[in-house]
Amino acid sequence: MNKAQENKRFMLEYYRVLSGHEKTLEKVNRFVADPKLRDHILFFEKVFPKYELIPDEMIAEDDRVFVRAHLKGKQTTPLKEGLPPTLSEVKTPFALCYKIENGKIVDHWMIADQLELLEQLGLLRKPEDALF
């Protein structure tokens, strides 16, 4: 098995272990050495407990794995202070490119549709005359 295949298998295991389950620091540290990604995961776990991560597409090359996926969860705690939880269910797309070294995610680049997330939470309204 080549490095890209190993890394893809690693990412499939990462998604399997974390999706729909409590994301404890211990579980996250098993896969993640990137402190920014670790903080992001733990923040979302607090706001959307046991959120699901559903990979739609995964491409691996060398030490990089690109994942197009979506998140499903229910907001049960405030997104930020002063904004009460909406108890809304969300399904929002994202794309990530992970860099993997020595069996850990050491860096990442993320694109997420934050406007879609805010709309689903009822915190932002799409204009009536929106083009799309």
N, C-alpha and C. Protein backbone atom coordinates (compact mmCIF):
# COMPACT_ATOMS: atom_id res chain seq x y z
N MET A 1 0.85 -1.18 0.00
CA MET A 1 0.00 0.00 0.00
C MET A 1 0.90 1.24 0.00
N ASN A 2 0.62 2.19 -0.90
CA ASN A 2 1.45 3.39 -0.96
C ASN A 2 1.01 4.42 0.09
N LYS A 3 1.78 5.49 0.23
CA LYS A 3 1.54 6.51 1.25
C LYS A 3 0.17 7.15 1.10
N ALA A 4 -0.23 7.47 -0.11
CA ALA A 4 -1.53 8.09 -0.34
C ALA A 4 -2.66 7.17 0.12
N GLN A 5 -2.57 5.88 -0.19
CA GLN A 5 -3.60 4.92 0.24
C GLN A 5 -3.62 4.80 1.77
N GLU A 6 -2.44 4.78 2.39
CA GLU A 6 -2.37 4.72 3.86
C GLU A 6 -3.04 5.95 4.48
N ASN A 7 -2.77 7.11 3.92
CA ASN A 7 -3.35 8.34 4.45
C ASN A 7 -4.86 8.39 4.24
N LYS A 8 -5.33 7.88 3.12
CA LYS A 8 -6.78 7.83 2.88
C LYS A 8 -7.44 6.88 3.88
N ARG A 9 -6.82 5.74 4.13
CA ARG A 9 -7.35 4.80 5.12
C ARG A 9 -7.38 5.46 6.51
N PHE A 10 -6.32 6.19 6.84
CA PHE A 10 -6.24 6.92 8.11
C PHE A 10 -7.41 7.90 8.23
N MET A 11 -7.68 8.66 7.16
CA MET A 11 -8.76 9.65 7.20
C MET A 11 -10.13 8.98 7.30
N LEU A 12 -10.33 7.85 6.63
CA LEU A 12 -11.59 7.13 6.76
C LEU A 12 -11.80 6.68 8.21
N GLU A 13 -10.73 6.24 8.86
CA GLU A 13 -10.82 5.85 10.27
C GLU A 13 -11.11 7.07 11.15
N TYR A 14 -10.49 8.18 10.86
CA TYR A 14 -10.72 9.44 11.58
C TYR A 14 -12.20 9.81 11.53
N TYR A 15 -12.77 9.81 10.34
CA TYR A 15 -14.19 10.15 10.19
C TYR A 15 -15.07 9.10 10.88
N ARG A 16 -14.73 7.83 10.79
CA ARG A 16 -15.53 6.77 11.42
C ARG A 16 -15.54 6.93 12.94
N VAL A 17 -14.40 7.21 13.53
CA VAL A 17 -14.29 7.32 14.99
C VAL A 17 -14.98 8.58 15.52
N LEU A 18 -14.88 9.68 14.80
CA LEU A 18 -15.42 10.95 15.31
C LEU A 18 -16.87 11.20 14.94
N SER A 19 -17.32 10.76 13.79
CA SER A 19 -18.66 11.10 13.31
C SER A 19 -19.76 10.50 14.18
N GLY A 20 -20.61 11.39 14.70
CA GLY A 20 -21.76 10.95 15.48
C GLY A 20 -21.43 10.54 16.90
N HIS A 21 -20.18 10.73 17.31
CA HIS A 21 -19.74 10.35 18.65
C HIS A 21 -19.20 11.58 19.37
N GLU A 22 -19.11 11.48 20.70
CA GLU A 22 -18.50 12.56 21.47
C GLU A 22 -17.03 12.70 21.06
N LYS A 23 -16.64 13.92 20.78
CA LYS A 23 -15.27 14.19 20.35
C LYS A 23 -14.47 14.68 21.55
N THR A 24 -13.95 13.74 22.34
CA THR A 24 -13.15 14.08 23.51
C THR A 24 -11.75 14.50 23.07
N LEU A 25 -11.06 15.20 23.94
CA LEU A 25 -9.68 15.60 23.65
C LEU A 25 -8.82 14.37 23.38
N GLU A 26 -9.04 13.32 24.14
CA GLU A 26 -8.27 12.08 23.95
C GLU A 26 -8.49 11.50 22.55
N LYS A 27 -9.76 11.44 22.11
CA LYS A 27 -10.06 10.92 20.77
C LYS A 27 -9.45 11.80 19.68
N VAL A 28 -9.62 13.10 19.84
CA VAL A 28 -9.11 14.03 18.84
C VAL A 28 -7.59 13.95 18.76
N ASN A 29 -6.93 13.89 19.91
CA ASN A 29 -5.46 13.81 19.93
C ASN A 29 -4.93 12.54 19.29
N ARG A 30 -5.75 11.51 19.23
CA ARG A 30 -5.34 10.26 18.56
C ARG A 30 -5.02 10.50 17.09
N PHE A 31 -5.69 11.49 16.49
CA PHE A 31 -5.57 11.75 15.06
C PHE A 31 -4.92 13.10 14.73
N VAL A 32 -5.06 14.07 15.62
CA VAL A 32 -4.75 15.46 15.28
C VAL A 32 -3.59 16.02 16.10
N ALA A 33 -2.58 16.57 15.41
CA ALA A 33 -1.49 17.28 16.06
C ALA A 33 -1.56 18.78 15.76
N ASP A 34 -2.45 19.18 14.87
CA ASP A 34 -2.64 20.57 14.48
C ASP A 34 -3.52 21.27 15.53
N PRO A 35 -2.98 22.20 16.33
CA PRO A 35 -3.76 22.80 17.41
C PRO A 35 -4.97 23.60 16.93
N LYS A 36 -4.89 24.23 15.77
CA LYS A 36 -6.04 24.99 15.26
C LYS A 36 -7.18 24.06 14.89
N LEU A 37 -6.88 22.93 14.27
CA LEU A 37 -7.93 21.97 13.93
C LEU A 37 -8.50 21.36 15.20
N ARG A 38 -7.65 21.03 16.16
CA ARG A 38 -8.12 20.47 17.43
C ARG A 38 -9.11 21.43 18.10
N ASP A 39 -8.75 22.71 18.17
CA ASP A 39 -9.64 23.71 18.79
C ASP A 39 -10.95 23.82 18.03
N HIS A 40 -10.88 23.79 16.70
CA HIS A 40 -12.09 23.87 15.87
C HIS A 40 -13.03 22.69 16.15
N ILE A 41 -12.48 21.50 16.19
CA ILE A 41 -13.28 20.29 16.44
C ILE A 41 -13.94 20.38 17.81
N LEU A 42 -13.18 20.75 18.83
CA LEU A 42 -13.72 20.81 20.19
C LEU A 42 -14.75 21.92 20.33
N PHE A 43 -14.57 23.05 19.63
CA PHE A 43 -15.57 24.11 19.65
C PHE A 43 -16.88 23.62 19.04
N PHE A 44 -16.80 23.00 17.87
CA PHE A 44 -18.01 22.50 17.22
C PHE A 44 -18.67 21.39 18.05
N GLU A 45 -17.88 20.59 18.74
CA GLU A 45 -18.45 19.54 19.61
C GLU A 45 -19.25 20.17 20.74
N LYS A 46 -18.79 21.29 21.25
CA LYS A 46 -19.50 21.98 22.32
C LYS A 46 -20.83 22.56 21.81
N VAL A 47 -20.81 23.13 20.61
CA VAL A 47 -22.00 23.78 20.05
C VAL A 47 -22.97 22.77 19.43
N PHE A 48 -22.43 21.74 18.77
CA PHE A 48 -23.23 20.72 18.08
C PHE A 48 -22.81 19.33 18.60
N PRO A 49 -23.17 18.97 19.83
CA PRO A 49 -22.68 17.71 20.41
C PRO A 49 -22.91 16.49 19.51
N LYS A 50 -21.88 15.66 19.42
CA LYS A 50 -21.92 14.42 18.64
C LYS A 50 -22.28 14.65 17.17
N TYR A 51 -21.87 15.80 16.63
CA TYR A 51 -22.18 16.09 15.23
C TYR A 51 -21.58 15.03 14.32
N GLU A 52 -22.24 14.84 13.20
CA GLU A 52 -21.79 13.86 12.21
C GLU A 52 -20.91 14.54 11.16
N LEU A 53 -19.90 13.82 10.72
CA LEU A 53 -19.04 14.23 9.62
C LEU A 53 -19.20 13.19 8.52
N ILE A 54 -19.78 13.60 7.40
CA ILE A 54 -20.06 12.65 6.33
C ILE A 54 -19.21 12.99 5.11
N PRO A 55 -18.18 12.17 4.83
CA PRO A 55 -17.36 12.43 3.65
C PRO A 55 -18.12 12.07 2.38
N ASP A 56 -18.14 12.99 1.42
CA ASP A 56 -18.80 12.75 0.14
C ASP A 56 -17.79 12.35 -0.93
N GLU A 57 -16.55 12.82 -0.76
CA GLU A 57 -15.50 12.53 -1.73
C GLU A 57 -14.16 12.66 -1.01
N MET A 58 -13.23 11.77 -1.35
CA MET A 58 -11.92 11.80 -0.72
C MET A 58 -10.86 11.46 -1.77
N ILE A 59 -9.86 12.33 -1.88
CA ILE A 59 -8.78 12.13 -2.83
C ILE A 59 -7.46 12.28 -2.08
N ALA A 60 -6.56 11.34 -2.26
CA ALA A 60 -5.27 11.37 -1.56
C ALA A 60 -4.11 11.39 -2.54
N GLU A 61 -3.10 12.17 -2.18
CA GLU A 61 -1.86 12.19 -2.95
C GLU A 61 -0.72 12.53 -1.99
N ASP A 62 0.26 11.66 -1.95
CA ASP A 62 1.41 11.83 -1.05
C ASP A 62 0.94 12.04 0.39
N ASP A 63 1.33 13.18 1.00
CA ASP A 63 0.97 13.43 2.40
C ASP A 63 -0.30 14.26 2.55
N ARG A 64 -1.06 14.45 1.47
CA ARG A 64 -2.28 15.27 1.50
C ARG A 64 -3.50 14.41 1.22
N VAL A 65 -4.58 14.74 1.94
CA VAL A 65 -5.88 14.12 1.66
C VAL A 65 -6.90 15.24 1.57
N PHE A 66 -7.58 15.31 0.43
CA PHE A 66 -8.64 16.28 0.21
C PHE A 66 -9.97 15.60 0.48
N VAL A 67 -10.82 16.26 1.27
CA VAL A 67 -12.13 15.70 1.59
C VAL A 67 -13.20 16.76 1.33
N ARG A 68 -14.19 16.39 0.53
CA ARG A 68 -15.40 17.20 0.37
C ARG A 68 -16.45 16.46 1.18
N ALA A 69 -17.10 17.17 2.10
CA ALA A 69 -17.98 16.49 3.04
C ALA A 69 -19.07 17.43 3.52
N HIS A 70 -19.87 16.95 4.45
CA HIS A 70 -20.83 17.82 5.12
C HIS A 70 -20.97 17.43 6.58
N LEU A 71 -21.38 18.40 7.35
CA LEU A 71 -21.59 18.25 8.78
C LEU A 71 -23.08 18.24 9.05
N LYS A 72 -23.52 17.35 9.92
CA LYS A 72 -24.91 17.32 10.37
C LYS A 72 -24.90 17.37 11.89
N GLY A 73 -25.73 18.24 12.45
CA GLY A 73 -25.79 18.31 13.90
C GLY A 73 -26.92 19.22 14.36
N LYS A 74 -27.07 19.29 15.67
CA LYS A 74 -28.10 20.12 16.29
C LYS A 74 -27.42 21.06 17.27
N GLN A 75 -27.67 22.35 17.12
CA GLN A 75 -27.08 23.34 18.01
C GLN A 75 -27.78 23.30 19.36
N THR A 76 -27.03 23.01 20.42
CA THR A 76 -27.63 22.94 21.76
C THR A 76 -27.00 23.92 22.75
N THR A 77 -25.91 24.56 22.37
CA THR A 77 -25.30 25.60 23.21
C THR A 77 -25.00 26.81 22.33
N PRO A 78 -24.78 27.97 22.96
CA PRO A 78 -24.56 29.18 22.17
C PRO A 78 -23.36 29.09 21.23
N LEU A 79 -23.52 29.66 20.05
CA LEU A 79 -22.43 29.77 19.09
C LEU A 79 -21.38 30.75 19.62
N LYS A 80 -21.87 31.81 20.25
CA LYS A 80 -21.01 32.76 20.95
C LYS A 80 -21.84 33.41 22.06
N GLU A 81 -21.16 34.01 23.00
CA GLU A 81 -21.84 34.62 24.14
C GLU A 81 -22.86 35.64 23.66
N GLY A 82 -24.05 35.58 24.25
CA GLY A 82 -25.10 36.52 23.90
C GLY A 82 -26.04 36.02 22.81
N LEU A 83 -25.70 34.90 22.17
CA LEU A 83 -26.57 34.30 21.15
C LEU A 83 -27.08 32.97 21.69
N PRO A 84 -28.31 32.91 22.16
CA PRO A 84 -28.81 31.65 22.71
C PRO A 84 -28.87 30.56 21.65
N PRO A 85 -28.79 29.30 22.07
CA PRO A 85 -28.86 28.20 21.09
C PRO A 85 -30.21 28.20 20.40
N THR A 86 -30.20 27.87 19.12
CA THR A 86 -31.44 27.86 18.34
C THR A 86 -32.12 26.49 18.35
N LEU A 87 -31.39 25.46 18.77
CA LEU A 87 -31.86 24.07 18.73
C LEU A 87 -32.15 23.62 17.30
N SER A 88 -31.57 24.32 16.35
CA SER A 88 -31.76 23.99 14.93
C SER A 88 -30.88 22.82 14.52
N GLU A 89 -31.43 22.01 13.60
CA GLU A 89 -30.65 20.95 12.97
C GLU A 89 -30.01 21.56 11.73
N VAL A 90 -28.74 21.27 11.52
CA VAL A 90 -28.04 21.83 10.37
C VAL A 90 -27.40 20.73 9.55
N LYS A 91 -27.23 21.03 8.28
CA LYS A 91 -26.48 20.17 7.35
C LYS A 91 -25.73 21.15 6.45
N THR A 92 -24.43 21.23 6.64
CA THR A 92 -23.66 22.25 5.93
C THR A 92 -22.41 21.66 5.28
N PRO A 93 -22.12 22.08 4.05
CA PRO A 93 -20.97 21.52 3.32
C PRO A 93 -19.66 22.17 3.74
N PHE A 94 -18.58 21.42 3.54
CA PHE A 94 -17.24 21.95 3.75
C PHE A 94 -16.26 21.13 2.92
N ALA A 95 -15.07 21.68 2.76
CA ALA A 95 -13.98 20.97 2.09
C ALA A 95 -12.72 21.21 2.89
N LEU A 96 -11.94 20.17 3.04
CA LEU A 96 -10.69 20.24 3.81
C LEU A 96 -9.57 19.55 3.06
N CYS A 97 -8.40 20.12 3.15
CA CYS A 97 -7.20 19.43 2.70
C CYS A 97 -6.35 19.23 3.94
N TYR A 98 -6.07 17.98 4.26
CA TYR A 98 -5.28 17.63 5.44
C TYR A 98 -3.86 17.29 5.02
N LYS A 99 -2.90 17.66 5.85
CA LYS A 99 -1.52 17.21 5.68
C LYS A 99 -1.24 16.23 6.81
N ILE A 100 -0.76 15.04 6.45
CA ILE A 100 -0.55 13.98 7.42
C ILE A 100 0.93 13.62 7.48
N GLU A 101 1.44 13.58 8.70
CA GLU A 101 2.82 13.16 8.94
C GLU A 101 2.85 12.25 10.16
N ASN A 102 3.53 11.14 10.04
CA ASN A 102 3.70 10.20 11.16
C ASN A 102 2.37 9.82 11.82
N GLY A 103 1.35 9.59 10.99
CA GLY A 103 0.07 9.12 11.50
C GLY A 103 -0.75 10.17 12.24
N LYS A 104 -0.51 11.44 11.97
CA LYS A 104 -1.28 12.53 12.59
C LYS A 104 -1.54 13.63 11.57
N ILE A 105 -2.65 14.33 11.74
CA ILE A 105 -2.94 15.51 10.94
C ILE A 105 -2.11 16.65 11.53
N VAL A 106 -1.21 17.21 10.73
CA VAL A 106 -0.32 18.26 11.23
C VAL A 106 -0.67 19.64 10.69
N ASP A 107 -1.52 19.69 9.66
CA ASP A 107 -1.93 20.97 9.09
C ASP A 107 -3.21 20.74 8.30
N HIS A 108 -3.94 21.81 8.07
CA HIS A 108 -5.18 21.69 7.29
C HIS A 108 -5.51 23.02 6.65
N TRP A 109 -6.31 22.96 5.58
CA TRP A 109 -6.85 24.12 4.90
C TRP A 109 -8.34 23.84 4.72
N MET A 110 -9.18 24.75 5.23
CA MET A 110 -10.62 24.49 5.24
C MET A 110 -11.38 25.58 4.50
N ILE A 111 -12.40 25.12 3.77
CA ILE A 111 -13.38 26.01 3.16
C ILE A 111 -14.73 25.51 3.66
N ALA A 112 -15.49 26.40 4.30
CA ALA A 112 -16.79 26.02 4.83
C ALA A 112 -17.81 27.09 4.46
N ASP A 113 -19.03 26.68 4.21
CA ASP A 113 -20.09 27.61 3.85
C ASP A 113 -20.71 28.16 5.14
N GLN A 114 -20.07 29.17 5.70
CA GLN A 114 -20.53 29.74 6.96
C GLN A 114 -21.85 30.48 6.81
N LEU A 115 -22.09 31.08 5.64
CA LEU A 115 -23.37 31.75 5.43
C LEU A 115 -24.52 30.75 5.46
N GLU A 116 -24.31 29.61 4.82
CA GLU A 116 -25.33 28.54 4.84
C GLU A 116 -25.60 28.10 6.27
N LEU A 117 -24.55 27.93 7.06
CA LEU A 117 -24.70 27.53 8.45
C LEU A 117 -25.50 28.57 9.23
N LEU A 118 -25.17 29.84 9.09
CA LEU A 118 -25.89 30.90 9.80
C LEU A 118 -27.35 30.98 9.35
N GLU A 119 -27.61 30.76 8.06
CA GLU A 119 -29.00 30.75 7.57
C GLU A 119 -29.77 29.60 8.21
N GLN A 120 -29.17 28.41 8.27
CA GLN A 120 -29.85 27.26 8.84
C GLN A 120 -30.10 27.44 10.34
N LEU A 121 -29.24 28.19 11.00
CA LEU A 121 -29.43 28.47 12.43
C LEU A 121 -30.45 29.59 12.65
N GLY A 122 -30.89 30.23 11.57
CA GLY A 122 -31.84 31.32 11.69
C GLY A 122 -31.19 32.62 12.14
N LEU A 123 -29.88 32.71 12.04
CA LEU A 123 -29.15 33.90 12.48
C LEU A 123 -28.87 34.86 11.33
N LEU A 124 -29.18 34.44 10.12
CA LEU A 124 -28.96 35.26 8.93
C LEU A 124 -30.05 34.89 7.94
N ARG A 125 -30.65 35.89 7.32
CA ARG A 125 -31.70 35.63 6.34
C ARG A 125 -31.17 35.91 4.95
N LYS A 126 -31.43 34.98 4.05
CA LYS A 126 -31.04 35.17 2.64
C LYS A 126 -31.92 36.27 2.06
N PRO A 127 -31.34 37.23 1.36
CA PRO A 127 -32.14 38.30 0.76
C PRO A 127 -33.17 37.72 -0.22
N GLU A 128 -34.31 38.36 -0.27
CA GLU A 128 -35.39 37.92 -1.16
C GLU A 128 -34.94 37.89 -2.62
N ASP A 129 -34.10 38.83 -2.99
CA ASP A 129 -33.69 38.93 -4.39
C ASP A 129 -32.33 38.28 -4.64
N ALA A 130 -31.97 37.31 -3.83
CA ALA A 130 -30.68 36.62 -4.01
C ALA A 130 -30.63 35.97 -5.38
N LEU A 131 -29.46 35.99 -5.97
CA LEU A 131 -29.29 35.42 -7.31
C LEU A 131 -29.28 33.90 -7.30
N PHE A 132 -28.98 33.28 -6.18
CA PHE A 132 -28.90 31.82 -6.11
C PHE A 132 -29.51 31.31 -4.85
